[in-house]
């Protein structure tokens, strides 16, 4: 929803993080793919090649110093996390690392998570509405 506010480098970094979170539970679902495709459209950029072997969470997080960008990215990553309505242990580890690295108040994570769930629900409803004949 706010990804178009990111600069070009932050958009690419976000995509790397999005793929990392989406694949961290060893399941890359159709809903996660759909969200990432929506992110690509929203940011008006091409897809990237995510390479797990060379991915560095620390490097990605250190690339984002802007506090507003950090919040935007966290909100959107939480939407990916909650596509299956729960936070898996590996997803929690990633989110915890993000929160610690960016020094984000953990109470905000709860609020961001609930907001992301609401948006995700609306996205699913919208997709269903498009399928109605």
Protein backbone atom coordinates (compact mmCIF):
# COMPACT_ATOMS: atom_id res chain seq x y z
CA UNK A 1 0.00 0.00 0.00
CA UNK A 2 2.88 2.38 0.76
CA UNK A 3 5.65 0.68 -1.20
CA UNK A 4 5.58 3.32 -3.92
CA UNK A 5 7.09 5.73 -1.36
CA UNK A 6 10.34 3.72 -1.25
CA UNK A 7 13.35 4.76 -3.32
CA UNK A 8 14.59 2.36 -6.00
CA UNK A 9 17.28 0.69 -3.86
CA UNK A 10 14.83 0.19 -1.00
CA UNK A 11 12.29 -1.38 -3.37
CA UNK A 12 14.83 -3.98 -4.47
CA UNK A 13 15.88 -4.59 -0.87
CA UNK A 14 12.22 -4.99 0.09
CA UNK A 15 11.73 -7.60 -2.66
CA UNK A 16 14.71 -9.58 -1.39
CA UNK A 17 13.24 -9.47 2.12
CA UNK A 18 9.78 -10.40 0.82
CA UNK A 19 11.12 -13.48 -0.97
CA UNK A 20 13.19 -14.41 2.07
CA UNK A 21 10.18 -14.22 4.40
CA UNK A 22 7.87 -15.98 1.92
CA UNK A 23 10.26 -18.89 1.49
CA UNK A 24 11.49 -19.09 5.10
CA UNK A 25 8.81 -21.59 6.16
CA UNK A 26 9.81 -23.81 3.21
CA UNK A 27 6.49 -23.12 1.52
CA UNK A 28 5.97 -20.55 -1.23
CA UNK A 29 2.21 -20.42 -1.64
CA UNK A 30 0.09 -19.04 -4.46
CA UNK A 31 -1.13 -16.29 -2.12
CA UNK A 32 2.47 -15.26 -1.37
CA UNK A 33 3.22 -15.23 -5.11
CA UNK A 34 0.12 -13.11 -5.69
CA UNK A 35 1.16 -10.62 -3.02
CA UNK A 36 4.64 -10.27 -4.46
CA UNK A 37 3.20 -9.78 -7.96
CA UNK A 38 1.00 -7.04 -6.49
CA UNK A 39 4.05 -5.47 -4.85
CA UNK A 40 5.86 -5.46 -8.19
CA UNK A 41 2.93 -3.67 -9.82
CA UNK A 42 2.62 -1.20 -6.95
CA UNK A 43 6.33 -0.35 -7.05
CA UNK A 44 6.37 -0.37 -10.87
CA UNK A 45 9.54 -2.47 -11.02
CA UNK A 46 10.60 -5.77 -12.56
CA UNK A 47 10.96 -8.95 -10.57
CA UNK A 48 14.36 -9.93 -9.19
CA UNK A 49 16.20 -13.23 -8.98
CA UNK A 50 16.13 -14.19 -5.33
CA UNK A 51 19.18 -16.29 -4.48
CA UNK A 52 18.89 -17.81 -1.04
CA UNK A 53 22.53 -18.91 -1.04
CA UNK A 54 23.81 -15.34 -1.32
CA UNK A 55 21.05 -13.60 0.62
CA UNK A 56 22.15 -11.66 3.70
CA UNK A 57 19.43 -10.51 6.09
CA UNK A 58 21.91 -8.29 7.94
CA UNK A 59 23.05 -6.60 4.73
CA UNK A 60 19.47 -5.95 3.60
CA UNK A 61 18.48 -4.50 6.95
CA UNK A 62 21.55 -2.27 7.04
CA UNK A 63 20.58 -0.91 3.59
CA UNK A 64 17.41 0.65 5.02
CA UNK A 65 18.20 3.57 7.34
CA UNK A 66 15.07 5.64 6.70
CA UNK A 67 12.64 5.06 9.61
CA UNK A 68 9.54 5.54 7.44
CA UNK A 69 10.85 3.00 4.93
CA UNK A 70 11.51 0.55 7.76
CA UNK A 71 7.91 0.80 8.96
CA UNK A 72 6.52 0.41 5.45
CA UNK A 73 8.65 -2.66 4.81
CA UNK A 74 7.73 -4.25 8.14
CA UNK A 75 4.00 -3.75 7.52
CA UNK A 76 4.21 -5.38 4.09
CA UNK A 77 6.38 -8.24 5.34
CA UNK A 78 3.82 -8.99 8.03
CA UNK A 79 1.20 -9.37 5.31
CA UNK A 80 3.34 -12.12 3.79
CA UNK A 81 3.81 -13.74 7.18
CA UNK A 82 0.07 -13.86 7.83
CA UNK A 83 -1.03 -15.25 4.45
CA UNK A 84 -1.61 -18.55 6.25
CA UNK A 85 -2.95 -16.87 9.43
CA UNK A 86 0.02 -17.72 11.63
CA UNK A 87 3.63 -16.81 12.19
CA UNK A 88 5.97 -19.76 11.77
CA UNK A 89 9.07 -19.97 13.96
CA UNK A 90 11.45 -19.01 11.13
CA UNK A 91 9.23 -16.09 10.18
CA UNK A 92 9.21 -14.99 13.83
CA UNK A 93 13.01 -15.14 13.93
CA UNK A 94 13.22 -12.88 10.87
CA UNK A 95 10.65 -10.41 12.22
CA UNK A 96 12.40 -10.36 15.62
CA UNK A 97 15.73 -9.65 13.91
CA UNK A 98 14.15 -6.82 11.92
CA UNK A 99 12.56 -5.32 15.03
CA UNK A 100 15.84 -5.55 16.97
CA UNK A 101 18.03 -4.24 14.14
CA UNK A 102 15.76 -1.32 13.33
CA UNK A 103 14.96 -0.68 16.99
CA UNK A 104 11.19 -0.79 16.41
CA UNK A 105 8.89 -0.88 19.42
CA UNK A 106 7.59 -4.46 19.69
CA UNK A 107 4.11 -3.16 20.52
CA UNK A 108 4.00 -1.62 17.06
CA UNK A 109 4.57 -5.06 15.57
CA UNK A 110 1.28 -6.22 17.07
CA UNK A 111 -0.56 -3.21 15.63
CA UNK A 112 1.18 -3.57 12.25
CA UNK A 113 0.38 -7.28 12.22
CA UNK A 114 -3.32 -6.70 12.86
CA UNK A 115 -3.44 -3.98 10.22
CA UNK A 116 -1.67 -6.26 7.73
CA UNK A 117 -4.14 -9.06 8.47
CA UNK A 118 -7.02 -6.68 7.80
CA UNK A 119 -5.53 -5.61 4.48
CA UNK A 120 -4.84 -9.21 3.55
CA UNK A 121 -8.46 -10.09 4.28
CA UNK A 122 -9.64 -7.25 2.06
CA UNK A 123 -7.28 -8.40 -0.70
CA UNK A 124 -8.70 -11.93 -0.54
CA UNK A 125 -12.24 -10.57 -0.61
CA UNK A 126 -11.42 -8.38 -3.59
CA UNK A 127 -9.95 -11.34 -5.49
CA UNK A 128 -13.10 -13.35 -4.72
CA UNK A 129 -15.32 -10.50 -5.93
CA UNK A 130 -13.47 -10.45 -9.23
CA UNK A 131 -14.14 -14.16 -9.65
CA UNK A 132 -17.91 -13.79 -9.15
CA UNK A 133 -19.98 -13.96 -12.31
